[in-house]
Amino acid sequence: MPTLELTRDEIVAEMERVAHARRGASAAELIAAYRAGTLDDPGQVGDVLVLAGLLDPADSYFAG
């Protein structure tokens, strides 16, 4: 099976695309709600959460 490699910017762009399409919110907002335990139906954006897990927890994306 081929391996797909994504840059950090590609990961962020895909997270944002999916988050806006499915929830009309930024991926950062969804991730923050998930971490706070307040995200309704996290399975709907499970792929966003998985992609977020590929980023370094100290990534500047999570700062703002």
PDB file of N, CA and C in Angstrom:
ATOM      1  N   MET A   1       0.849  -1.170   0.000  1.00  0.00           N
ATOM      2  CA  MET A   1       0.000   0.000   0.000  1.00  0.00           C
ATOM      3  C   MET A   1       0.897   1.237   0.000  1.00  0.00           C
ATOM      4  N   PRO A   2       0.616   2.206  -0.861  1.00  0.00           N
ATOM      5  CA  PRO A   2       1.446   3.415  -0.913  1.00  0.00           C
ATOM      6  C   PRO A   2       1.272   4.269   0.336  1.00  0.00           C
ATOM      7  N   THR A   3       2.302   5.016   0.631  1.00  0.00           N
ATOM      8  CA  THR A   3       2.291   5.911   1.775  1.00  0.00           C
ATOM      9  C   THR A   3       1.982   7.326   1.290  1.00  0.00           C
ATOM     10  N   LEU A   4       1.111   7.994   2.012  1.00  0.00           N
ATOM     11  CA  LEU A   4       0.783   9.382   1.704  1.00  0.00           C
ATOM     12  C   LEU A   4       1.535  10.267   2.682  1.00  0.00           C
ATOM     13  N   GLU A   5       2.293  11.201   2.166  1.00  0.00           N
ATOM     14  CA  GLU A   5       3.015  12.132   3.021  1.00  0.00           C
ATOM     15  C   GLU A   5       2.421  13.522   2.842  1.00  0.00           C
ATOM     16  N   LEU A   6       2.150  14.161   3.962  1.00  0.00           N
ATOM     17  CA  LEU A   6       1.598  15.514   3.947  1.00  0.00           C
ATOM     18  C   LEU A   6       2.517  16.451   4.715  1.00  0.00           C
ATOM     19  N   THR A   7       2.658  17.649   4.222  1.00  0.00           N
ATOM     20  CA  THR A   7       3.400  18.656   4.967  1.00  0.00           C
ATOM     21  C   THR A   7       2.513  19.184   6.089  1.00  0.00           C
ATOM     22  N   ARG A   8       3.094  19.910   6.997  1.00  0.00           N
ATOM     23  CA  ARG A   8       2.327  20.528   8.071  1.00  0.00           C
ATOM     24  C   ARG A   8       1.239  21.426   7.491  1.00  0.00           C
ATOM     25  N   ASP A   9       1.581  22.217   6.487  1.00  0.00           N
ATOM     26  CA  ASP A   9       0.612  23.129   5.887  1.00  0.00           C
ATOM     27  C   ASP A   9      -0.523  22.372   5.198  1.00  0.00           C
ATOM     28  N   GLU A  10      -0.222  21.251   4.583  1.00  0.00           N
ATOM     29  CA  GLU A  10      -1.257  20.437   3.951  1.00  0.00           C
ATOM     30  C   GLU A  10      -2.190  19.828   4.996  1.00  0.00           C
ATOM     31  N   ILE A  11      -1.632  19.405   6.120  1.00  0.00           N
ATOM     32  CA  ILE A  11      -2.450  18.857   7.208  1.00  0.00           C
ATOM     33  C   ILE A  11      -3.405  19.930   7.721  1.00  0.00           C
ATOM     34  N   VAL A  12      -2.879  21.105   7.999  1.00  0.00           N
ATOM     35  CA  VAL A  12      -3.704  22.206   8.511  1.00  0.00           C
ATOM     36  C   VAL A  12      -4.783  22.582   7.497  1.00  0.00           C
ATOM     37  N   ALA A  13      -4.433  22.663   6.232  1.00  0.00           N
ATOM     38  CA  ALA A  13      -5.406  23.023   5.201  1.00  0.00           C
ATOM     39  C   ALA A  13      -6.525  21.986   5.120  1.00  0.00           C
ATOM     40  N   GLU A  14      -6.193  20.719   5.204  1.00  0.00           N
ATOM     41  CA  GLU A  14      -7.215  19.670   5.145  1.00  0.00           C
ATOM     42  C   GLU A  14      -8.104  19.699   6.385  1.00  0.00           C
ATOM     43  N   MET A  15      -7.503  19.924   7.556  1.00  0.00           N
ATOM     44  CA  MET A  15      -8.308  20.029   8.774  1.00  0.00           C
ATOM     45  C   MET A  15      -9.302  21.177   8.653  1.00  0.00           C
ATOM     46  N   GLU A  16      -8.841  22.312   8.177  1.00  0.00           N
ATOM     47  CA  GLU A  16      -9.708  23.484   8.032  1.00  0.00           C
ATOM     48  C   GLU A  16     -10.801  23.241   7.001  1.00  0.00           C
ATOM     49  N   ARG A  17     -10.450  22.628   5.884  1.00  0.00           N
ATOM     50  CA  ARG A  17     -11.433  22.363   4.830  1.00  0.00           C
ATOM     51  C   ARG A  17     -12.562  21.483   5.363  1.00  0.00           C
ATOM     52  N   VAL A  18     -12.195  20.402   6.034  1.00  0.00           N
ATOM     53  CA  VAL A  18     -13.200  19.468   6.557  1.00  0.00           C
ATOM     54  C   VAL A  18     -14.024  20.120   7.669  1.00  0.00           C
ATOM     55  N   ALA A  19     -13.366  20.819   8.575  1.00  0.00           N
ATOM     56  CA  ALA A  19     -14.078  21.448   9.696  1.00  0.00           C
ATOM     57  C   ALA A  19     -15.109  22.456   9.204  1.00  0.00           C
ATOM     58  N   HIS A  20     -14.720  23.279   8.253  1.00  0.00           N
ATOM     59  CA  HIS A  20     -15.654  24.281   7.724  1.00  0.00           C
ATOM     60  C   HIS A  20     -16.792  23.621   6.947  1.00  0.00           C
ATOM     61  N   ALA A  21     -16.476  22.575   6.190  1.00  0.00           N
ATOM     62  CA  ALA A  21     -17.504  21.906   5.389  1.00  0.00           C
ATOM     63  C   ALA A  21     -18.529  21.186   6.269  1.00  0.00           C
ATOM     64  N   ARG A  22     -18.060  20.566   7.336  1.00  0.00           N
ATOM     65  CA  ARG A  22     -18.962  19.754   8.163  1.00  0.00           C
ATOM     66  C   ARG A  22     -19.602  20.500   9.316  1.00  0.00           C
ATOM     67  N   ARG A  23     -18.902  21.485   9.853  1.00  0.00           N
ATOM     68  CA  ARG A  23     -19.411  22.159  11.048  1.00  0.00           C
ATOM     69  C   ARG A  23     -19.475  23.669  10.934  1.00  0.00           C
ATOM     70  N   GLY A  24     -18.936  24.241   9.871  1.00  0.00           N
ATOM     71  CA  GLY A  24     -18.946  25.694   9.736  1.00  0.00           C
ATOM     72  C   GLY A  24     -18.103  26.387  10.787  1.00  0.00           C
ATOM     73  N   ALA A  25     -17.091  25.702  11.272  1.00  0.00           N
ATOM     74  CA  ALA A  25     -16.205  26.244  12.311  1.00  0.00           C
ATOM     75  C   ALA A  25     -14.765  25.933  11.927  1.00  0.00           C
ATOM     76  N   SER A  26     -13.843  26.598  12.584  1.00  0.00           N
ATOM     77  CA  SER A  26     -12.435  26.301  12.320  1.00  0.00           C
ATOM     78  C   SER A  26     -12.057  24.988  13.003  1.00  0.00           C
ATOM     79  N   ALA A  27     -11.046  24.362  12.469  1.00  0.00           N
ATOM     80  CA  ALA A  27     -10.552  23.131  13.084  1.00  0.00           C
ATOM     81  C   ALA A  27     -10.035  23.414  14.494  1.00  0.00           C
ATOM     82  N   ALA A  28      -9.413  24.566  14.685  1.00  0.00           N
ATOM     83  CA  ALA A  28      -8.896  24.917  16.008  1.00  0.00           C
ATOM     84  C   ALA A  28     -10.027  24.977  17.039  1.00  0.00           C
ATOM     85  N   GLU A  29     -11.178  25.522  16.638  1.00  0.00           N
ATOM     86  CA  GLU A  29     -12.335  25.591  17.544  1.00  0.00           C
ATOM     87  C   GLU A  29     -12.831  24.189  17.883  1.00  0.00           C
ATOM     88  N   LEU A  30     -12.896  23.322  16.874  1.00  0.00           N
ATOM     89  CA  LEU A  30     -13.366  21.957  17.117  1.00  0.00           C
ATOM     90  C   LEU A  30     -12.404  21.183  18.009  1.00  0.00           C
ATOM     91  N   ILE A  31     -11.128  21.342  17.769  1.00  0.00           N
ATOM     92  CA  ILE A  31     -10.117  20.645  18.574  1.00  0.00           C
ATOM     93  C   ILE A  31     -10.170  21.131  20.018  1.00  0.00           C
ATOM     94  N   ALA A  32     -10.306  22.442  20.211  1.00  0.00           N
ATOM     95  CA  ALA A  32     -10.405  22.986  21.570  1.00  0.00           C
ATOM     96  C   ALA A  32     -11.645  22.448  22.278  1.00  0.00           C
ATOM     97  N   ALA A  33     -12.770  22.376  21.565  1.00  0.00           N
ATOM     98  CA  ALA A  33     -13.997  21.840  22.163  1.00  0.00           C
ATOM     99  C   ALA A  33     -13.839  20.363  22.495  1.00  0.00           C
ATOM    100  N   TYR A  34     -13.174  19.624  21.627  1.00  0.00           N
ATOM    101  CA  TYR A  34     -12.933  18.196  21.886  1.00  0.00           C
ATOM    102  C   TYR A  34     -12.092  18.023  23.147  1.00  0.00           C
ATOM    103  N   ARG A  35     -11.027  18.799  23.235  1.00  0.00           N
ATOM    104  CA  ARG A  35     -10.136  18.702  24.398  1.00  0.00           C
ATOM    105  C   ARG A  35     -10.838  19.118  25.688  1.00  0.00           C
ATOM    106  N   ALA A  36     -11.808  20.025  25.578  1.00  0.00           N
ATOM    107  CA  ALA A  36     -12.564  20.476  26.755  1.00  0.00           C
ATOM    108  C   ALA A  36     -13.724  19.534  27.084  1.00  0.00           C
ATOM    109  N   GLY A  37     -13.974  18.571  26.184  1.00  0.00           N
ATOM    110  CA  GLY A  37     -15.063  17.629  26.404  1.00  0.00           C
ATOM    111  C   GLY A  37     -16.429  18.179  26.061  1.00  0.00           C
ATOM    112  N   THR A  38     -16.475  19.217  25.241  1.00  0.00           N
ATOM    113  CA  THR A  38     -17.752  19.854  24.908  1.00  0.00           C
ATOM    114  C   THR A  38     -18.141  19.713  23.435  1.00  0.00           C
ATOM    115  N   LEU A  39     -17.407  18.925  22.674  1.00  0.00           N
ATOM    116  CA  LEU A  39     -17.694  18.758  21.254  1.00  0.00           C
ATOM    117  C   LEU A  39     -18.792  17.721  21.069  1.00  0.00           C
ATOM    118  N   ASP A  40     -19.919  18.158  20.506  1.00  0.00           N
ATOM    119  CA  ASP A  40     -21.016  17.240  20.206  1.00  0.00           C
ATOM    120  C   ASP A  40     -20.650  16.396  18.989  1.00  0.00           C
ATOM    121  N   ASP A  41     -20.899  15.105  19.058  1.00  0.00           N
ATOM    122  CA  ASP A  41     -20.678  14.156  17.967  1.00  0.00           C
ATOM    123  C   ASP A  41     -19.273  14.267  17.374  1.00  0.00           C
ATOM    124  N   PRO A  42     -18.235  13.977  18.171  1.00  0.00           N
ATOM    125  CA  PRO A  42     -16.872  14.080  17.663  1.00  0.00           C
ATOM    126  C   PRO A  42     -16.586  13.135  16.496  1.00  0.00           C
ATOM    127  N   GLY A  43     -17.372  12.068  16.372  1.00  0.00           N
ATOM    128  CA  GLY A  43     -17.172  11.156  15.253  1.00  0.00           C
ATOM    129  C   GLY A  43     -17.386  11.814  13.908  1.00  0.00           C
ATOM    130  N   GLN A  44     -18.188  12.866  13.881  1.00  0.00           N
ATOM    131  CA  GLN A  44     -18.456  13.588  12.644  1.00  0.00           C
ATOM    132  C   GLN A  44     -17.200  14.263  12.100  1.00  0.00           C
ATOM    133  N   VAL A  45     -16.268  14.570  12.986  1.00  0.00           N
ATOM    134  CA  VAL A  45     -15.013  15.209  12.571  1.00  0.00           C
ATOM    135  C   VAL A  45     -13.804  14.405  13.069  1.00  0.00           C
ATOM    136  N   GLY A  46     -13.994  13.108  13.150  1.00  0.00           N
ATOM    137  CA  GLY A  46     -12.912  12.240  13.623  1.00  0.00           C
ATOM    138  C   GLY A  46     -11.650  12.376  12.798  1.00  0.00           C
ATOM    139  N   ASP A  47     -11.803  12.560  11.492  1.00  0.00           N
ATOM    140  CA  ASP A  47     -10.617  12.702  10.657  1.00  0.00           C
ATOM    141  C   ASP A  47      -9.859  13.988  10.974  1.00  0.00           C
ATOM    142  N   VAL A  48     -10.558  15.038  11.355  1.00  0.00           N
ATOM    143  CA  VAL A  48      -9.890  16.279  11.766  1.00  0.00           C
ATOM    144  C   VAL A  48      -9.073  16.017  13.031  1.00  0.00           C
ATOM    145  N   LEU A  49      -9.662  15.281  13.968  1.00  0.00           N
ATOM    146  CA  LEU A  49      -8.977  14.989  15.223  1.00  0.00           C
ATOM    147  C   LEU A  49      -7.760  14.102  15.002  1.00  0.00           C
ATOM    148  N   VAL A  50      -7.877  13.145  14.088  1.00  0.00           N
ATOM    149  CA  VAL A  50      -6.736  12.280  13.773  1.00  0.00           C
ATOM    150  C   VAL A  50      -5.621  13.095  13.121  1.00  0.00           C
ATOM    151  N   LEU A  51      -5.981  13.951  12.179  1.00  0.00           N
ATOM    152  CA  LEU A  51      -4.969  14.793  11.539  1.00  0.00           C
ATOM    153  C   LEU A  51      -4.290  15.710  12.559  1.00  0.00           C
ATOM    154  N   ALA A  52      -5.065  16.245  13.492  1.00  0.00           N
ATOM    155  CA  ALA A  52      -4.481  17.103  14.536  1.00  0.00           C
ATOM    156  C   ALA A  52      -3.445  16.335  15.340  1.00  0.00           C
ATOM    157  N   GLY A  53      -3.681  15.042  15.513  1.00  0.00           N
ATOM    158  CA  GLY A  53      -2.731  14.215  16.251  1.00  0.00           C
ATOM    159  C   GLY A  53      -1.403  14.038  15.539  1.00  0.00           C
ATOM    160  N   LEU A  54      -1.355  14.357  14.245  1.00  0.00           N
ATOM    161  CA  LEU A  54      -0.104  14.269  13.496  1.00  0.00           C
ATOM    162  C   LEU A  54       0.786  15.483  13.712  1.00  0.00           C
ATOM    163  N   LEU A  55       0.189  16.557  14.219  1.00  0.00           N
ATOM    164  CA  LEU A  55       0.973  17.771  14.480  1.00  0.00           C
ATOM    165  C   LEU A  55       1.622  17.695  15.850  1.00  0.00           C
ATOM    166  N   ASP A  56       2.751  18.325  15.982  1.00  0.00           N
ATOM    167  CA  ASP A  56       3.430  18.423  17.272  1.00  0.00           C
ATOM    168  C   ASP A  56       2.511  19.178  18.235  1.00  0.00           C
ATOM    169  N   PRO A  57       2.307  18.679  19.450  1.00  0.00           N
ATOM    170  CA  PRO A  57       1.436  19.368  20.408  1.00  0.00           C
ATOM    171  C   PRO A  57       1.867  20.816  20.676  1.00  0.00           C
ATOM    172  N   ALA A  58       3.130  21.131  20.460  1.00  0.00           N
ATOM    173  CA  ALA A  58       3.621  22.491  20.683  1.00  0.00           C
ATOM    174  C   ALA A  58       3.515  23.350  19.406  1.00  0.00           C
ATOM    175  N   ASP A  59       2.904  22.814  18.355  1.00  0.00           N
ATOM    176  CA  ASP A  59       2.769  23.549  17.095  1.00  0.00           C
ATOM    177  C   ASP A  59       2.024  24.863  17.341  1.00  0.00           C
ATOM    178  N   SER A  60       2.442  25.894  16.649  1.00  0.00           N
ATOM    179  CA  SER A  60       1.826  27.214  16.806  1.00  0.00           C
ATOM    180  C   SER A  60       0.346  27.201  16.416  1.00  0.00           C
ATOM    181  N   TYR A  61      -0.095  26.241  15.656  1.00  0.00           N
ATOM    182  CA  TYR A  61      -1.509  26.149  15.272  1.00  0.00           C
ATOM    183  C   TYR A  61      -2.416  26.068  16.490  1.00  0.00           C
ATOM    184  N   PHE A  62      -1.953  25.400  17.513  1.00  0.00           N
ATOM    185  CA  PHE A  62      -2.770  25.191  18.713  1.00  0.00           C
ATOM    186  C   PHE A  62      -2.726  26.379  19.670  1.00  0.00           C
ATOM    187  N   ALA A  63      -1.901  27.364  19.372  1.00  0.00           N
ATOM    188  CA  ALA A  63      -1.767  28.513  20.265  1.00  0.00           C
ATOM    189  C   ALA A  63      -2.877  29.540  20.087  1.00  0.00           C
ATOM    190  N   GLY A  64      -3.565  29.487  18.981  1.00  0.00           N
ATOM    191  CA  GLY A  64      -4.477  30.581  18.799  1.00  0.00           C
ATOM    192  C   GLY A  64      -5.751  30.253  18.194  1.00  0.00           C
TER     193      GLY A  64
END
